[in-house]
């Protein structure tokens, strides 16, 4: 699964958060408020940084975002791309999906 190229997993997650937030008709402030209700101290500025810059999110934040948006955690990584950059490697979309599902050992 090594190689260069492909869209980065962080960019995919960032774009998906923004799109899912918009689909849920939540403002950035409303998502920040929802995160706070789940014990994650985010501000509107944090949401903006996550959606538009290279601010990475931790696992706790990802789980809380998925809960706020009422989607499975795996939905944050959904992509139509053939390959995805994960760290220094390039993974195929099926391998990424298998890794998230815990079945990558068979690929």
C-alpha atoms as a PDB file:
ATOM      1  CA  UNK A   1       0.000   0.000   0.000  1.00  0.00           C
ATOM      2  CA  UNK A   2       3.017   2.298  -0.288  1.00  0.00           C
ATOM      3  CA  UNK A   3       3.340   5.114  -2.786  1.00  0.00           C
ATOM      4  CA  UNK A   4       2.758   8.786  -3.334  1.00  0.00           C
ATOM      5  CA  UNK A   5      -0.285  10.733  -4.389  1.00  0.00           C
ATOM      6  CA  UNK A   6      -3.957  10.465  -3.671  1.00  0.00           C
ATOM      7  CA  UNK A   7      -6.037  12.832  -1.601  1.00  0.00           C
ATOM      8  CA  UNK A   8      -5.030  12.946   2.055  1.00  0.00           C
ATOM      9  CA  UNK A   9      -7.228  11.316   4.669  1.00  0.00           C
ATOM     10  CA  UNK A  10      -7.212  14.547   6.700  1.00  0.00           C
ATOM     11  CA  UNK A  11      -8.595  16.459   3.698  1.00  0.00           C
ATOM     12  CA  UNK A  12     -11.301  13.845   3.206  1.00  0.00           C
ATOM     13  CA  UNK A  13     -12.357  14.050   6.848  1.00  0.00           C
ATOM     14  CA  UNK A  14     -12.286  17.867   6.753  1.00  0.00           C
ATOM     15  CA  UNK A  15     -14.459  18.008   3.626  1.00  0.00           C
ATOM     16  CA  UNK A  16     -16.866  15.410   4.962  1.00  0.00           C
ATOM     17  CA  UNK A  17     -17.316  17.253   8.259  1.00  0.00           C
ATOM     18  CA  UNK A  18     -18.132  20.481   6.415  1.00  0.00           C
ATOM     19  CA  UNK A  19     -20.521  18.743   4.009  1.00  0.00           C
ATOM     20  CA  UNK A  20     -22.271  16.720   6.707  1.00  0.00           C
ATOM     21  CA  UNK A  21     -22.597  19.788   8.925  1.00  0.00           C
ATOM     22  CA  UNK A  22     -24.192  21.713   6.062  1.00  0.00           C
ATOM     23  CA  UNK A  23     -26.486  18.781   5.243  1.00  0.00           C
ATOM     24  CA  UNK A  24     -27.615  18.737   8.877  1.00  0.00           C
ATOM     25  CA  UNK A  25     -28.338  22.482   8.636  1.00  0.00           C
ATOM     26  CA  UNK A  26     -25.915  23.235  11.455  1.00  0.00           C
ATOM     27  CA  UNK A  27     -23.892  26.418  11.601  1.00  0.00           C
ATOM     28  CA  UNK A  28     -20.300  26.202  12.751  1.00  0.00           C
ATOM     29  CA  UNK A  29     -21.455  27.650  16.083  1.00  0.00           C
ATOM     30  CA  UNK A  30     -24.214  25.046  16.370  1.00  0.00           C
ATOM     31  CA  UNK A  31     -21.701  22.223  15.803  1.00  0.00           C
ATOM     32  CA  UNK A  32     -19.392  23.763  18.406  1.00  0.00           C
ATOM     33  CA  UNK A  33     -22.329  23.899  20.833  1.00  0.00           C
ATOM     34  CA  UNK A  34     -23.166  20.247  20.127  1.00  0.00           C
ATOM     35  CA  UNK A  35     -19.528  19.286  20.727  1.00  0.00           C
ATOM     36  CA  UNK A  36     -19.581  21.131  24.054  1.00  0.00           C
ATOM     37  CA  UNK A  37     -22.694  19.182  25.082  1.00  0.00           C
ATOM     38  CA  UNK A  38     -20.666  16.022  24.459  1.00  0.00           C
ATOM     39  CA  UNK A  39     -17.778  17.210  26.612  1.00  0.00           C
ATOM     40  CA  UNK A  40     -15.478  18.496  23.870  1.00  0.00           C
ATOM     41  CA  UNK A  41     -14.654  22.192  24.305  1.00  0.00           C
ATOM     42  CA  UNK A  42     -14.881  23.469  20.754  1.00  0.00           C
ATOM     43  CA  UNK A  43     -15.635  26.998  19.599  1.00  0.00           C
ATOM     44  CA  UNK A  44     -16.901  28.214  16.253  1.00  0.00           C
ATOM     45  CA  UNK A  45     -13.292  29.023  15.440  1.00  0.00           C
ATOM     46  CA  UNK A  46     -12.288  25.414  16.142  1.00  0.00           C
ATOM     47  CA  UNK A  47     -14.913  24.166  13.692  1.00  0.00           C
ATOM     48  CA  UNK A  48     -13.666  26.642  11.079  1.00  0.00           C
ATOM     49  CA  UNK A  49     -10.070  25.489  11.605  1.00  0.00           C
ATOM     50  CA  UNK A  50     -11.030  21.828  11.294  1.00  0.00           C
ATOM     51  CA  UNK A  51     -12.977  22.467   8.107  1.00  0.00           C
ATOM     52  CA  UNK A  52     -10.488  24.756   6.384  1.00  0.00           C
ATOM     53  CA  UNK A  53      -6.951  24.154   7.666  1.00  0.00           C
ATOM     54  CA  UNK A  54      -4.677  21.330   8.605  1.00  0.00           C
ATOM     55  CA  UNK A  55      -5.924  21.178  12.194  1.00  0.00           C
ATOM     56  CA  UNK A  56      -6.102  17.487  12.872  1.00  0.00           C
ATOM     57  CA  UNK A  57      -8.783  15.972  15.032  1.00  0.00           C
ATOM     58  CA  UNK A  58      -8.244  13.321  17.653  1.00  0.00           C
ATOM     59  CA  UNK A  59     -10.216  10.118  17.999  1.00  0.00           C
ATOM     60  CA  UNK A  60     -12.340  11.514  20.837  1.00  0.00           C
ATOM     61  CA  UNK A  61     -13.186  14.519  18.667  1.00  0.00           C
ATOM     62  CA  UNK A  62     -14.004  12.308  15.668  1.00  0.00           C
ATOM     63  CA  UNK A  63     -16.341  10.161  17.741  1.00  0.00           C
ATOM     64  CA  UNK A  64     -18.071  13.252  19.127  1.00  0.00           C
ATOM     65  CA  UNK A  65     -18.393  14.800  15.654  1.00  0.00           C
ATOM     66  CA  UNK A  66     -19.970  11.610  14.320  1.00  0.00           C
ATOM     67  CA  UNK A  67     -22.417  11.667  17.245  1.00  0.00           C
ATOM     68  CA  UNK A  68     -23.251  15.336  16.641  1.00  0.00           C
ATOM     69  CA  UNK A  69     -23.873  14.682  12.956  1.00  0.00           C
ATOM     70  CA  UNK A  70     -25.709  11.410  13.638  1.00  0.00           C
ATOM     71  CA  UNK A  71     -23.496   9.393  11.278  1.00  0.00           C
ATOM     72  CA  UNK A  72     -21.281   6.340  11.727  1.00  0.00           C
ATOM     73  CA  UNK A  73     -17.659   7.227  12.454  1.00  0.00           C
ATOM     74  CA  UNK A  74     -16.641   5.575   9.176  1.00  0.00           C
ATOM     75  CA  UNK A  75     -18.747   8.135   7.271  1.00  0.00           C
ATOM     76  CA  UNK A  76     -16.182  10.800   8.113  1.00  0.00           C
ATOM     77  CA  UNK A  77     -13.665   8.963   5.911  1.00  0.00           C
ATOM     78  CA  UNK A  78     -15.974   8.157   2.990  1.00  0.00           C
ATOM     79  CA  UNK A  79     -14.476   9.073  -0.364  1.00  0.00           C
ATOM     80  CA  UNK A  80     -15.065   8.604  -4.053  1.00  0.00           C
ATOM     81  CA  UNK A  81     -11.313   8.651  -4.694  1.00  0.00           C
ATOM     82  CA  UNK A  82      -9.550   5.537  -5.919  1.00  0.00           C
ATOM     83  CA  UNK A  83      -6.608   6.078  -3.587  1.00  0.00           C
ATOM     84  CA  UNK A  84      -6.096   7.909  -0.325  1.00  0.00           C
ATOM     85  CA  UNK A  85      -2.878   9.160   1.251  1.00  0.00           C
ATOM     86  CA  UNK A  86      -2.568   7.883   4.802  1.00  0.00           C
ATOM     87  CA  UNK A  87       0.653   9.036   6.378  1.00  0.00           C
ATOM     88  CA  UNK A  88       3.408   8.337   3.876  1.00  0.00           C
ATOM     89  CA  UNK A  89       1.423   5.598   2.128  1.00  0.00           C
ATOM     90  CA  UNK A  90      -1.203   5.474  -0.554  1.00  0.00           C
ATOM     91  CA  UNK A  91      -4.109   3.159   0.206  1.00  0.00           C
ATOM     92  CA  UNK A  92      -6.838   2.036  -2.138  1.00  0.00           C
ATOM     93  CA  UNK A  93     -10.365   3.045  -1.153  1.00  0.00           C
ATOM     94  CA  UNK A  94     -11.310  -0.627  -0.549  1.00  0.00           C
ATOM     95  CA  UNK A  95      -8.259  -1.070   1.706  1.00  0.00           C
ATOM     96  CA  UNK A  96      -9.189   2.092   3.667  1.00  0.00           C
ATOM     97  CA  UNK A  97     -12.731   0.784   4.117  1.00  0.00           C
ATOM     98  CA  UNK A  98     -11.410  -2.614   5.207  1.00  0.00           C
ATOM     99  CA  UNK A  99      -8.984  -0.999   7.658  1.00  0.00           C
ATOM    100  CA  UNK A 100     -11.814   0.984   9.233  1.00  0.00           C
ATOM    101  CA  UNK A 101     -14.005  -2.126   9.391  1.00  0.00           C
ATOM    102  CA  UNK A 102     -11.189  -4.154  10.935  1.00  0.00           C
ATOM    103  CA  UNK A 103     -10.948  -6.567   8.033  1.00  0.00           C
ATOM    104  CA  UNK A 104      -7.794  -5.290   6.285  1.00  0.00           C
ATOM    105  CA  UNK A 105      -5.799  -8.353   7.294  1.00  0.00           C
ATOM    106  CA  UNK A 106      -7.541 -10.318   4.564  1.00  0.00           C
ATOM    107  CA  UNK A 107      -6.519  -7.890   1.807  1.00  0.00           C
END
